[in-house]
């Protein structure tokens, strides 16, 4: 992992470890994972990030033969409702066409 990725992961996992790190890993169940994630339900992006990082850690615990199954794999990520994409104004389209020629990668997307 790149240093920035490690720092980001630590920022997500470290508060969780401080709060729950003393609990036995082999007793971790899906309902407990759902409870941990529900604590962050006010911030769906943070909830999903914690779920991803816990999943990675528990996959590693499986590889180390500490647990047999990863209970985070049985949970669903929070649904994040967005406002969708906004339409471009004519000025934005004109500017895009000025900058990107028809045979460029940006133009083809």
PDB file of N, CA and C in Angstrom:
ATOM      1  N   UNK A   1       0.830  -1.183   0.000  1.00  0.00           N
ATOM      2  CA  UNK A   1       0.000   0.000   0.000  1.00  0.00           C
ATOM      3  C   UNK A   1       0.877   1.249   0.000  1.00  0.00           C
ATOM      4  N   UNK A   2       0.399   2.262  -0.648  1.00  0.00           N
ATOM      5  CA  UNK A   2       1.096   3.541  -0.623  1.00  0.00           C
ATOM      6  C   UNK A   2       0.951   4.148   0.774  1.00  0.00           C
ATOM      7  N   UNK A   3       1.863   5.038   1.136  1.00  0.00           N
ATOM      8  CA  UNK A   3       1.834   5.643   2.467  1.00  0.00           C
ATOM      9  C   UNK A   3       0.520   6.375   2.745  1.00  0.00           C
ATOM     10  N   UNK A   4       0.008   7.085   1.756  1.00  0.00           N
ATOM     11  CA  UNK A   4      -1.251   7.801   1.953  1.00  0.00           C
ATOM     12  C   UNK A   4      -2.407   6.828   2.207  1.00  0.00           C
ATOM     13  N   UNK A   5      -2.404   5.704   1.503  1.00  0.00           N
ATOM     14  CA  UNK A   5      -3.438   4.685   1.705  1.00  0.00           C
ATOM     15  C   UNK A   5      -3.335   4.097   3.105  1.00  0.00           C
ATOM     16  N   UNK A   6      -2.110   3.818   3.545  1.00  0.00           N
ATOM     17  CA  UNK A   6      -1.910   3.286   4.897  1.00  0.00           C
ATOM     18  C   UNK A   6      -2.421   4.273   5.945  1.00  0.00           C
ATOM     19  N   UNK A   7      -2.109   5.546   5.747  1.00  0.00           N
ATOM     20  CA  UNK A   7      -2.534   6.574   6.691  1.00  0.00           C
ATOM     21  C   UNK A   7      -4.059   6.667   6.732  1.00  0.00           C
ATOM     22  N   UNK A   8      -4.683   6.604   5.566  1.00  0.00           N
ATOM     23  CA  UNK A   8      -6.146   6.653   5.486  1.00  0.00           C
ATOM     24  C   UNK A   8      -6.763   5.450   6.188  1.00  0.00           C
ATOM     25  N   UNK A   9      -6.232   4.274   5.914  1.00  0.00           N
ATOM     26  CA  UNK A   9      -6.752   3.046   6.548  1.00  0.00           C
ATOM     27  C   UNK A   9      -6.601   3.103   8.060  1.00  0.00           C
ATOM     28  N   UNK A  10      -5.451   3.571   8.515  1.00  0.00           N
ATOM     29  CA  UNK A  10      -5.229   3.686   9.955  1.00  0.00           C
ATOM     30  C   UNK A  10      -6.243   4.634  10.589  1.00  0.00           C
ATOM     31  N   UNK A  11      -6.537   5.723   9.904  1.00  0.00           N
ATOM     32  CA  UNK A  11      -7.502   6.689  10.416  1.00  0.00           C
ATOM     33  C   UNK A  11      -8.896   6.110  10.545  1.00  0.00           C
ATOM     34  N   UNK A  12      -9.210   5.130   9.724  1.00  0.00           N
ATOM     35  CA  UNK A  12     -10.518   4.472   9.781  1.00  0.00           C
ATOM     36  C   UNK A  12     -10.537   3.372  10.840  1.00  0.00           C
ATOM     37  N   UNK A  13      -9.473   2.581  10.886  1.00  0.00           N
ATOM     38  CA  UNK A  13      -9.449   1.392  11.738  1.00  0.00           C
ATOM     39  C   UNK A  13      -9.038   1.694  13.180  1.00  0.00           C
ATOM     40  N   UNK A  14      -8.159   2.656  13.385  1.00  0.00           N
ATOM     41  CA  UNK A  14      -7.629   2.903  14.730  1.00  0.00           C
ATOM     42  C   UNK A  14      -8.710   3.274  15.753  1.00  0.00           C
ATOM     43  N   UNK A  15      -9.647   4.166  15.449  1.00  0.00           N
ATOM     44  CA  UNK A  15     -10.709   4.432  16.431  1.00  0.00           C
ATOM     45  C   UNK A  15     -11.536   3.187  16.751  1.00  0.00           C
ATOM     46  N   UNK A  16     -11.761   2.355  15.747  1.00  0.00           N
ATOM     47  CA  UNK A  16     -12.489   1.098  15.958  1.00  0.00           C
ATOM     48  C   UNK A  16     -11.689   0.173  16.872  1.00  0.00           C
ATOM     49  N   UNK A  17     -10.389   0.083  16.628  1.00  0.00           N
ATOM     50  CA  UNK A  17      -9.522  -0.777  17.447  1.00  0.00           C
ATOM     51  C   UNK A  17      -9.501  -0.309  18.900  1.00  0.00           C
ATOM     52  N   UNK A  18      -9.423   1.003  19.103  1.00  0.00           N
ATOM     53  CA  UNK A  18      -9.399   1.527  20.471  1.00  0.00           C
ATOM     54  C   UNK A  18     -10.691   1.201  21.216  1.00  0.00           C
ATOM     55  N   UNK A  19     -11.804   1.221  20.507  1.00  0.00           N
ATOM     56  CA  UNK A  19     -13.100   0.961  21.143  1.00  0.00           C
ATOM     57  C   UNK A  19     -13.396  -0.530  21.302  1.00  0.00           C
ATOM     58  N   UNK A  20     -13.007  -1.345  20.307  1.00  0.00           N
ATOM     59  CA  UNK A  20     -13.418  -2.753  20.291  1.00  0.00           C
ATOM     60  C   UNK A  20     -12.255  -3.750  20.253  1.00  0.00           C
ATOM     61  N   UNK A  21     -11.036  -3.267  20.314  1.00  0.00           N
ATOM     62  CA  UNK A  21      -9.875  -4.142  20.143  1.00  0.00           C
ATOM     63  C   UNK A  21      -9.653  -5.160  21.231  1.00  0.00           C
ATOM     64  N   UNK A  22     -10.307  -5.008  22.358  1.00  0.00           N
ATOM     65  CA  UNK A  22     -10.117  -5.948  23.464  1.00  0.00           C
ATOM     66  C   UNK A  22     -11.088  -7.128  23.414  1.00  0.00           C
ATOM     67  N   UNK A  23     -11.975  -7.126  22.439  1.00  0.00           N
ATOM     68  CA  UNK A  23     -12.985  -8.181  22.338  1.00  0.00           C
ATOM     69  C   UNK A  23     -12.435  -9.378  21.553  1.00  0.00           C
ATOM     70  N   UNK A  24     -12.885 -10.595  21.880  1.00  0.00           N
ATOM     71  CA  UNK A  24     -12.359 -11.784  21.193  1.00  0.00           C
ATOM     72  C   UNK A  24     -12.792 -11.840  19.725  1.00  0.00           C
ATOM     73  N   UNK A  25     -11.833 -12.001  18.855  1.00  0.00           N
ATOM     74  CA  UNK A  25     -12.077 -12.022  17.415  1.00  0.00           C
ATOM     75  C   UNK A  25     -12.887 -13.245  16.985  1.00  0.00           C
ATOM     76  N   UNK A  26     -12.649 -14.375  17.614  1.00  0.00           N
ATOM     77  CA  UNK A  26     -13.334 -15.603  17.197  1.00  0.00           C
ATOM     78  C   UNK A  26     -14.817 -15.613  17.543  1.00  0.00           C
ATOM     79  N   UNK A  27     -15.289 -14.623  18.311  1.00  0.00           N
ATOM     80  CA  UNK A  27     -16.711 -14.530  18.632  1.00  0.00           C
ATOM     81  C   UNK A  27     -17.432 -13.468  17.806  1.00  0.00           C
ATOM     82  N   UNK A  28     -16.743 -12.917  16.873  1.00  0.00           N
ATOM     83  CA  UNK A  28     -17.337 -11.869  16.039  1.00  0.00           C
ATOM     84  C   UNK A  28     -18.377 -12.482  15.095  1.00  0.00           C
ATOM     85  N   UNK A  29     -19.579 -11.946  15.141  1.00  0.00           N
ATOM     86  CA  UNK A  29     -20.684 -12.443  14.318  1.00  0.00           C
ATOM     87  C   UNK A  29     -21.229 -11.321  13.445  1.00  0.00           C
ATOM     88  N   UNK A  30     -22.018 -11.716  12.473  1.00  0.00           N
ATOM     89  CA  UNK A  30     -22.621 -10.763  11.534  1.00  0.00           C
ATOM     90  C   UNK A  30     -23.425  -9.688  12.269  1.00  0.00           C
ATOM     91  N   UNK A  31     -24.218 -10.085  13.245  1.00  0.00           N
ATOM     92  CA  UNK A  31     -25.059  -9.108  13.954  1.00  0.00           C
ATOM     93  C   UNK A  31     -24.208  -8.085  14.698  1.00  0.00           C
ATOM     94  N   UNK A  32     -23.049  -8.515  15.207  1.00  0.00           N
ATOM     95  CA  UNK A  32     -22.157  -7.578  15.891  1.00  0.00           C
ATOM     96  C   UNK A  32     -21.535  -6.604  14.886  1.00  0.00           C
ATOM     97  N   UNK A  33     -21.144  -7.118  13.738  1.00  0.00           N
ATOM     98  CA  UNK A  33     -20.587  -6.257  12.687  1.00  0.00           C
ATOM     99  C   UNK A  33     -21.632  -5.238  12.264  1.00  0.00           C
ATOM    100  N   UNK A  34     -22.868  -5.700  12.083  1.00  0.00           N
ATOM    101  CA  UNK A  34     -23.944  -4.779  11.715  1.00  0.00           C
ATOM    102  C   UNK A  34     -24.133  -3.710  12.787  1.00  0.00           C
ATOM    103  N   UNK A  35     -23.993  -4.088  14.036  1.00  0.00           N
ATOM    104  CA  UNK A  35     -24.100  -3.128  15.133  1.00  0.00           C
ATOM    105  C   UNK A  35     -22.987  -2.096  15.103  1.00  0.00           C
ATOM    106  N   UNK A  36     -21.754  -2.561  14.841  1.00  0.00           N
ATOM    107  CA  UNK A  36     -20.625  -1.630  14.735  1.00  0.00           C
ATOM    108  C   UNK A  36     -20.857  -0.628  13.609  1.00  0.00           C
ATOM    109  N   UNK A  37     -21.324  -1.137  12.490  1.00  0.00           N
ATOM    110  CA  UNK A  37     -21.556  -0.269  11.337  1.00  0.00           C
ATOM    111  C   UNK A  37     -22.735   0.664  11.586  1.00  0.00           C
ATOM    112  N   UNK A  38     -23.731   0.191  12.326  1.00  0.00           N
ATOM    113  CA  UNK A  38     -24.898   1.022  12.626  1.00  0.00           C
ATOM    114  C   UNK A  38     -24.522   2.225  13.489  1.00  0.00           C
ATOM    115  N   UNK A  39     -23.474   2.082  14.289  1.00  0.00           N
ATOM    116  CA  UNK A  39     -23.006   3.202  15.107  1.00  0.00           C
ATOM    117  C   UNK A  39     -22.604   4.401  14.253  1.00  0.00           C
ATOM    118  N   UNK A  40     -22.207   4.133  13.016  1.00  0.00           N
ATOM    119  CA  UNK A  40     -21.768   5.192  12.110  1.00  0.00           C
ATOM    120  C   UNK A  40     -22.813   5.517  11.052  1.00  0.00           C
ATOM    121  N   UNK A  41     -24.028   5.065  11.251  1.00  0.00           N
ATOM    122  CA  UNK A  41     -25.039   5.174  10.194  1.00  0.00           C
ATOM    123  C   UNK A  41     -25.371   6.603   9.788  1.00  0.00           C
ATOM    124  N   UNK A  42     -25.032   7.577  10.614  1.00  0.00           N
ATOM    125  CA  UNK A  42     -25.269   8.976  10.250  1.00  0.00           C
ATOM    126  C   UNK A  42     -24.354   9.417   9.115  1.00  0.00           C
ATOM    127  N   UNK A  43     -23.266   8.700   8.934  1.00  0.00           N
ATOM    128  CA  UNK A  43     -22.291   9.035   7.889  1.00  0.00           C
ATOM    129  C   UNK A  43     -22.099   7.811   6.993  1.00  0.00           C
ATOM    130  N   UNK A  44     -22.921   7.659   5.940  1.00  0.00           N
ATOM    131  CA  UNK A  44     -22.879   6.430   5.150  1.00  0.00           C
ATOM    132  C   UNK A  44     -21.541   6.158   4.467  1.00  0.00           C
ATOM    133  N   UNK A  45     -20.826   7.189   4.041  1.00  0.00           N
ATOM    134  CA  UNK A  45     -19.517   6.949   3.428  1.00  0.00           C
ATOM    135  C   UNK A  45     -18.550   6.376   4.456  1.00  0.00           C
ATOM    136  N   UNK A  46     -18.580   6.916   5.681  1.00  0.00           N
ATOM    137  CA  UNK A  46     -17.721   6.416   6.753  1.00  0.00           C
ATOM    138  C   UNK A  46     -18.098   4.980   7.120  1.00  0.00           C
ATOM    139  N   UNK A  47     -19.393   4.699   7.134  1.00  0.00           N
ATOM    140  CA  UNK A  47     -19.861   3.342   7.427  1.00  0.00           C
ATOM    141  C   UNK A  47     -19.318   2.361   6.401  1.00  0.00           C
ATOM    142  N   UNK A  48     -19.437   2.712   5.133  1.00  0.00           N
ATOM    143  CA  UNK A  48     -18.961   1.823   4.064  1.00  0.00           C
ATOM    144  C   UNK A  48     -17.447   1.669   4.103  1.00  0.00           C
ATOM    145  N   UNK A  49     -16.731   2.749   4.414  1.00  0.00           N
ATOM    146  CA  UNK A  49     -15.271   2.659   4.504  1.00  0.00           C
ATOM    147  C   UNK A  49     -14.853   1.750   5.648  1.00  0.00           C
ATOM    148  N   UNK A  50     -15.523   1.876   6.798  1.00  0.00           N
ATOM    149  CA  UNK A  50     -15.209   0.989   7.917  1.00  0.00           C
ATOM    150  C   UNK A  50     -15.501  -0.460   7.545  1.00  0.00           C
ATOM    151  N   UNK A  51     -16.621  -0.710   6.888  1.00  0.00           N
ATOM    152  CA  UNK A  51     -16.964  -2.070   6.468  1.00  0.00           C
ATOM    153  C   UNK A  51     -15.913  -2.665   5.540  1.00  0.00           C
ATOM    154  N   UNK A  52     -15.428  -1.858   4.605  1.00  0.00           N
ATOM    155  CA  UNK A  52     -14.388  -2.331   3.674  1.00  0.00           C
ATOM    156  C   UNK A  52     -13.104  -2.677   4.414  1.00  0.00           C
ATOM    157  N   UNK A  53     -12.679  -1.775   5.297  1.00  0.00           N
ATOM    158  CA  UNK A  53     -11.418  -1.992   6.018  1.00  0.00           C
ATOM    159  C   UNK A  53     -11.525  -3.175   6.976  1.00  0.00           C
ATOM    160  N   UNK A  54     -12.656  -3.305   7.667  1.00  0.00           N
ATOM    161  CA  UNK A  54     -12.837  -4.477   8.533  1.00  0.00           C
ATOM    162  C   UNK A  54     -12.803  -5.757   7.701  1.00  0.00           C
ATOM    163  N   UNK A  55     -13.418  -5.716   6.532  1.00  0.00           N
ATOM    164  CA  UNK A  55     -13.394  -6.879   5.643  1.00  0.00           C
ATOM    165  C   UNK A  55     -11.978  -7.276   5.273  1.00  0.00           C
ATOM    166  N   UNK A  56     -11.149  -6.295   4.972  1.00  0.00           N
ATOM    167  CA  UNK A  56      -9.754  -6.580   4.636  1.00  0.00           C
ATOM    168  C   UNK A  56      -9.006  -7.178   5.822  1.00  0.00           C
ATOM    169  N   UNK A  57      -9.213  -6.598   7.005  1.00  0.00           N
ATOM    170  CA  UNK A  57      -8.538  -7.119   8.202  1.00  0.00           C
ATOM    171  C   UNK A  57      -8.977  -8.538   8.525  1.00  0.00           C
ATOM    172  N   UNK A  58     -10.271  -8.792   8.392  1.00  0.00           N
ATOM    173  CA  UNK A  58     -10.764 -10.136   8.701  1.00  0.00           C
ATOM    174  C   UNK A  58     -10.353 -11.151   7.643  1.00  0.00           C
ATOM    175  N   UNK A  59     -10.215 -10.723   6.398  1.00  0.00           N
ATOM    176  CA  UNK A  59      -9.651 -11.620   5.375  1.00  0.00           C
ATOM    177  C   UNK A  59      -8.219 -12.000   5.752  1.00  0.00           C
ATOM    178  N   UNK A  60      -7.488 -11.031   6.277  1.00  0.00           N
ATOM    179  CA  UNK A  60      -6.114 -11.303   6.724  1.00  0.00           C
ATOM    180  C   UNK A  60      -6.121 -12.257   7.929  1.00  0.00           C
ATOM    181  N   UNK A  61      -7.078 -12.071   8.833  1.00  0.00           N
ATOM    182  CA  UNK A  61      -7.195 -12.971   9.982  1.00  0.00           C
ATOM    183  C   UNK A  61      -7.492 -14.400   9.528  1.00  0.00           C
ATOM    184  N   UNK A  62      -8.260 -14.546   8.464  1.00  0.00           N
ATOM    185  CA  UNK A  62      -8.523 -15.879   7.901  1.00  0.00           C
ATOM    186  C   UNK A  62      -7.225 -16.474   7.371  1.00  0.00           C
ATOM    187  N   UNK A  63      -6.454 -15.664   6.651  1.00  0.00           N
ATOM    188  CA  UNK A  63      -5.181 -16.138   6.105  1.00  0.00           C
ATOM    189  C   UNK A  63      -4.218 -16.565   7.213  1.00  0.00           C
ATOM    190  N   UNK A  64      -4.326 -15.926   8.384  1.00  0.00           N
ATOM    191  CA  UNK A  64      -3.482 -16.286   9.529  1.00  0.00           C
ATOM    192  C   UNK A  64      -4.084 -17.400  10.382  1.00  0.00           C
ATOM    193  N   UNK A  65      -5.216 -17.949   9.936  1.00  0.00           N
ATOM    194  CA  UNK A  65      -5.917 -19.034  10.636  1.00  0.00           C
ATOM    195  C   UNK A  65      -6.400 -18.621  12.022  1.00  0.00           C
ATOM    196  N   UNK A  66      -6.777 -17.348  12.174  1.00  0.00           N
ATOM    197  CA  UNK A  66      -7.325 -16.860  13.447  1.00  0.00           C
ATOM    198  C   UNK A  66      -8.837 -17.045  13.498  1.00  0.00           C
ATOM    199  N   UNK A  67      -9.486 -16.934  12.336  1.00  0.00           N
ATOM    200  CA  UNK A  67     -10.927 -17.146  12.224  1.00  0.00           C
ATOM    201  C   UNK A  67     -11.189 -17.948  10.957  1.00  0.00           C
ATOM    202  N   UNK A  68     -12.386 -18.522  10.861  1.00  0.00           N
ATOM    203  CA  UNK A  68     -12.724 -19.349   9.700  1.00  0.00           C
ATOM    204  C   UNK A  68     -13.532 -18.607   8.649  1.00  0.00           C
ATOM    205  N   UNK A  69     -14.325 -17.624   9.076  1.00  0.00           N
ATOM    206  CA  UNK A  69     -15.197 -16.910   8.139  1.00  0.00           C
ATOM    207  C   UNK A  69     -15.140 -15.419   8.424  1.00  0.00           C
ATOM    208  N   UNK A  70     -15.451 -14.644   7.410  1.00  0.00           N
ATOM    209  CA  UNK A  70     -15.437 -13.197   7.531  1.00  0.00           C
ATOM    210  C   UNK A  70     -16.873 -12.687   7.605  1.00  0.00           C
ATOM    211  N   UNK A  71     -17.345 -12.302   8.798  1.00  0.00           N
ATOM    212  CA  UNK A  71     -18.735 -11.873   8.943  1.00  0.00           C
ATOM    213  C   UNK A  71     -19.062 -10.570   8.215  1.00  0.00           C
ATOM    214  N   UNK A  72     -18.060  -9.784   7.849  1.00  0.00           N
ATOM    215  CA  UNK A  72     -18.358  -8.552   7.107  1.00  0.00           C
ATOM    216  C   UNK A  72     -18.847  -8.858   5.702  1.00  0.00           C
ATOM    217  N   UNK A  73     -18.508 -10.012   5.188  1.00  0.00           N
ATOM    218  CA  UNK A  73     -18.934 -10.391   3.833  1.00  0.00           C
ATOM    219  C   UNK A  73     -20.439 -10.671   3.774  1.00  0.00           C
ATOM    220  N   UNK A  74     -21.054 -10.817   4.938  1.00  0.00           N
ATOM    221  CA  UNK A  74     -22.490 -11.092   5.011  1.00  0.00           C
ATOM    222  C   UNK A  74     -23.309  -9.820   5.220  1.00  0.00           C
ATOM    223  N   UNK A  75     -22.647  -8.673   5.247  1.00  0.00           N
ATOM    224  CA  UNK A  75     -23.349  -7.405   5.436  1.00  0.00           C
ATOM    225  C   UNK A  75     -23.376  -6.649   4.111  1.00  0.00           C
ATOM    226  N   UNK A  76     -24.355  -5.791   3.966  1.00  0.00           N
ATOM    227  CA  UNK A  76     -24.484  -4.984   2.757  1.00  0.00           C
ATOM    228  C   UNK A  76     -24.010  -3.564   3.052  1.00  0.00           C
ATOM    229  N   UNK A  77     -23.400  -2.908   2.066  1.00  0.00           N
ATOM    230  CA  UNK A  77     -23.006  -1.516   2.288  1.00  0.00           C
ATOM    231  C   UNK A  77     -24.233  -0.610   2.373  1.00  0.00           C
ATOM    232  N   UNK A  78     -24.040   0.530   3.009  1.00  0.00           N
ATOM    233  CA  UNK A  78     -25.120   1.529   3.091  1.00  0.00           C
ATOM    234  C   UNK A  78     -25.404   2.052   1.694  1.00  0.00           C
ATOM    235  N   UNK A  79     -26.659   2.278   1.459  1.00  0.00           N
ATOM    236  CA  UNK A  79     -27.054   2.867   0.188  1.00  0.00           C
ATOM    237  C   UNK A  79     -26.883   4.372   0.277  1.00  0.00           C
ATOM    238  N   UNK A  80     -26.209   4.927  -0.677  1.00  0.00           N
ATOM    239  CA  UNK A  80     -25.952   6.360  -0.664  1.00  0.00           C
ATOM    240  C   UNK A  80     -26.748   6.992  -1.788  1.00  0.00           C
ATOM    241  N   UNK A  81     -27.670   7.838  -1.380  1.00  0.00           N
ATOM    242  CA  UNK A  81     -28.530   8.497  -2.359  1.00  0.00           C
ATOM    243  C   UNK A  81     -27.886   9.818  -2.774  1.00  0.00           C
ATOM    244  N   UNK A  82     -27.652   9.949  -4.045  1.00  0.00           N
ATOM    245  CA  UNK A  82     -27.082  11.186  -4.556  1.00  0.00           C
ATOM    246  C   UNK A  82     -28.115  11.959  -5.343  1.00  0.00           C
ATOM    247  N   UNK A  83     -27.750  13.132  -5.717  1.00  0.00           N
ATOM    248  CA  UNK A  83     -28.646  13.982  -6.498  1.00  0.00           C
ATOM    249  C   UNK A  83     -28.532  13.670  -7.993  1.00  0.00           C
ATOM    250  N   UNK A  84     -27.636  12.747  -8.327  1.00  0.00           N
ATOM    251  CA  UNK A  84     -27.448  12.413  -9.736  1.00  0.00           C
ATOM    252  C   UNK A  84     -26.458  13.356 -10.402  1.00  0.00           C
ATOM    253  N   UNK A  85     -26.412  13.306 -11.688  1.00  0.00           N
ATOM    254  CA  UNK A  85     -25.504  14.149 -12.446  1.00  0.00           C
ATOM    255  C   UNK A  85     -26.237  15.400 -12.899  1.00  0.00           C
ATOM    256  N   UNK A  86     -25.545  16.500 -12.880  1.00  0.00           N
ATOM    257  CA  UNK A  86     -26.187  17.711 -13.379  1.00  0.00           C
ATOM    258  C   UNK A  86     -25.861  17.879 -14.853  1.00  0.00           C
ATOM    259  N   UNK A  87     -26.781  18.442 -15.573  1.00  0.00           N
ATOM    260  CA  UNK A  87     -26.592  18.651 -17.006  1.00  0.00           C
ATOM    261  C   UNK A  87     -25.601  19.783 -17.247  1.00  0.00           C
ATOM    262  N   UNK A  88     -24.848  19.648 -18.319  1.00  0.00           N
ATOM    263  CA  UNK A  88     -23.899  20.690 -18.681  1.00  0.00           C
ATOM    264  C   UNK A  88     -24.655  21.857 -19.315  1.00  0.00           C
ATOM    265  N   UNK A  89     -24.135  23.051 -19.088  1.00  0.00           N
ATOM    266  CA  UNK A  89     -24.635  24.234 -19.783  1.00  0.00           C
ATOM    267  C   UNK A  89     -23.946  24.313 -21.138  1.00  0.00           C
ATOM    268  N   UNK A  90     -24.518  25.024 -22.041  1.00  0.00           N
ATOM    269  CA  UNK A  90     -23.933  25.181 -23.382  1.00  0.00           C
ATOM    270  C   UNK A  90     -22.494  25.680 -23.312  1.00  0.00           C
ATOM    271  N   UNK A  91     -22.220  26.597 -22.383  1.00  0.00           N
ATOM    272  CA  UNK A  91     -20.856  27.145 -22.274  1.00  0.00           C
ATOM    273  C   UNK A  91     -19.853  26.052 -21.891  1.00  0.00           C
ATOM    274  N   UNK A  92     -20.268  25.123 -21.015  1.00  0.00           N
ATOM    275  CA  UNK A  92     -19.392  24.021 -20.627  1.00  0.00           C
ATOM    276  C   UNK A  92     -19.127  23.066 -21.774  1.00  0.00           C
ATOM    277  N   UNK A  93     -20.137  22.802 -22.575  1.00  0.00           N
ATOM    278  CA  UNK A  93     -19.980  21.925 -23.745  1.00  0.00           C
ATOM    279  C   UNK A  93     -19.045  22.575 -24.749  1.00  0.00           C
ATOM    280  N   UNK A  94     -19.241  23.859 -24.990  1.00  0.00           N
ATOM    281  CA  UNK A  94     -18.390  24.590 -25.929  1.00  0.00           C
ATOM    282  C   UNK A  94     -16.943  24.566 -25.463  1.00  0.00           C
ATOM    283  N   UNK A  95     -16.717  24.816 -24.178  1.00  0.00           N
ATOM    284  CA  UNK A  95     -15.361  24.811 -23.623  1.00  0.00           C
ATOM    285  C   UNK A  95     -14.728  23.428 -23.749  1.00  0.00           C
ATOM    286  N   UNK A  96     -15.484  22.374 -23.458  1.00  0.00           N
ATOM    287  CA  UNK A  96     -14.975  21.007 -23.578  1.00  0.00           C
ATOM    288  C   UNK A  96     -14.519  20.735 -25.009  1.00  0.00           C
ATOM    289  N   UNK A  97     -15.347  21.121 -25.975  1.00  0.00           N
ATOM    290  CA  UNK A  97     -15.018  20.872 -27.379  1.00  0.00           C
ATOM    291  C   UNK A  97     -13.821  21.696 -27.836  1.00  0.00           C
ATOM    292  N   UNK A  98     -13.593  22.848 -27.216  1.00  0.00           N
ATOM    293  CA  UNK A  98     -12.412  23.658 -27.538  1.00  0.00           C
ATOM    294  C   UNK A  98     -11.140  22.987 -27.047  1.00  0.00           C
ATOM    295  N   UNK A  99     -11.218  22.346 -25.896  1.00  0.00           N
ATOM    296  CA  UNK A  99     -10.044  21.752 -25.263  1.00  0.00           C
ATOM    297  C   UNK A  99      -9.750  20.352 -25.799  1.00  0.00           C
ATOM    298  N   UNK A 100     -10.789  19.551 -26.050  1.00  0.00           N
ATOM    299  CA  UNK A 100     -10.604  18.150 -26.438  1.00  0.00           C
ATOM    300  C   UNK A 100     -10.984  17.929 -27.900  1.00  0.00           C
ATOM    301  N   UNK A 101     -10.016  17.463 -28.641  1.00  0.00           N
ATOM    302  CA  UNK A 101     -10.249  17.141 -30.053  1.00  0.00           C
ATOM    303  C   UNK A 101     -11.109  15.877 -30.148  1.00  0.00           C
ATOM    304  N   UNK A 102     -11.841  15.697 -31.270  1.00  0.00           N
ATOM    305  CA  UNK A 102     -12.738  14.541 -31.411  1.00  0.00           C
ATOM    306  C   UNK A 102     -12.070  13.173 -31.288  1.00  0.00           C
ATOM    307  N   UNK A 103     -10.776  13.051 -31.534  1.00  0.00           N
ATOM    308  CA  UNK A 103     -10.144  11.726 -31.483  1.00  0.00           C
ATOM    309  C   UNK A 103      -9.330  11.504 -30.209  1.00  0.00           C
ATOM    310  N   UNK A 104      -9.674  12.186 -29.110  1.00  0.00           N
ATOM    311  CA  UNK A 104      -8.957  12.005 -27.851  1.00  0.00           C
ATOM    312  C   UNK A 104      -9.752  11.099 -26.907  1.00  0.00           C
ATOM    313  N   UNK A 105      -9.085  10.596 -25.882  1.00  0.00           N
ATOM    314  CA  UNK A 105      -9.720   9.712 -24.917  1.00  0.00           C
ATOM    315  C   UNK A 105     -10.865  10.427 -24.198  1.00  0.00           C
ATOM    316  N   UNK A 106     -10.645  11.664 -23.781  1.00  0.00           N
ATOM    317  CA  UNK A 106     -11.693  12.412 -23.070  1.00  0.00           C
ATOM    318  C   UNK A 106     -12.937  12.581 -23.935  1.00  0.00           C
ATOM    319  N   UNK A 107     -12.738  12.816 -25.201  1.00  0.00           N
ATOM    320  CA  UNK A 107     -13.864  13.044 -26.106  1.00  0.00           C
ATOM    321  C   UNK A 107     -14.665  11.755 -26.303  1.00  0.00           C
ATOM    322  N   UNK A 108     -13.989  10.623 -26.366  1.00  0.00           N
ATOM    323  CA  UNK A 108     -14.679   9.342 -26.615  1.00  0.00           C
ATOM    324  C   UNK A 108     -15.451   8.844 -25.409  1.00  0.00           C
ATOM    325  N   UNK A 109     -15.139   9.282 -24.242  1.00  0.00           N
ATOM    326  CA  UNK A 109     -15.829   8.795 -23.030  1.00  0.00           C
ATOM    327  C   UNK A 109     -17.151   9.408 -22.987  1.00  0.00           C
TER     328      UNK A 109
END
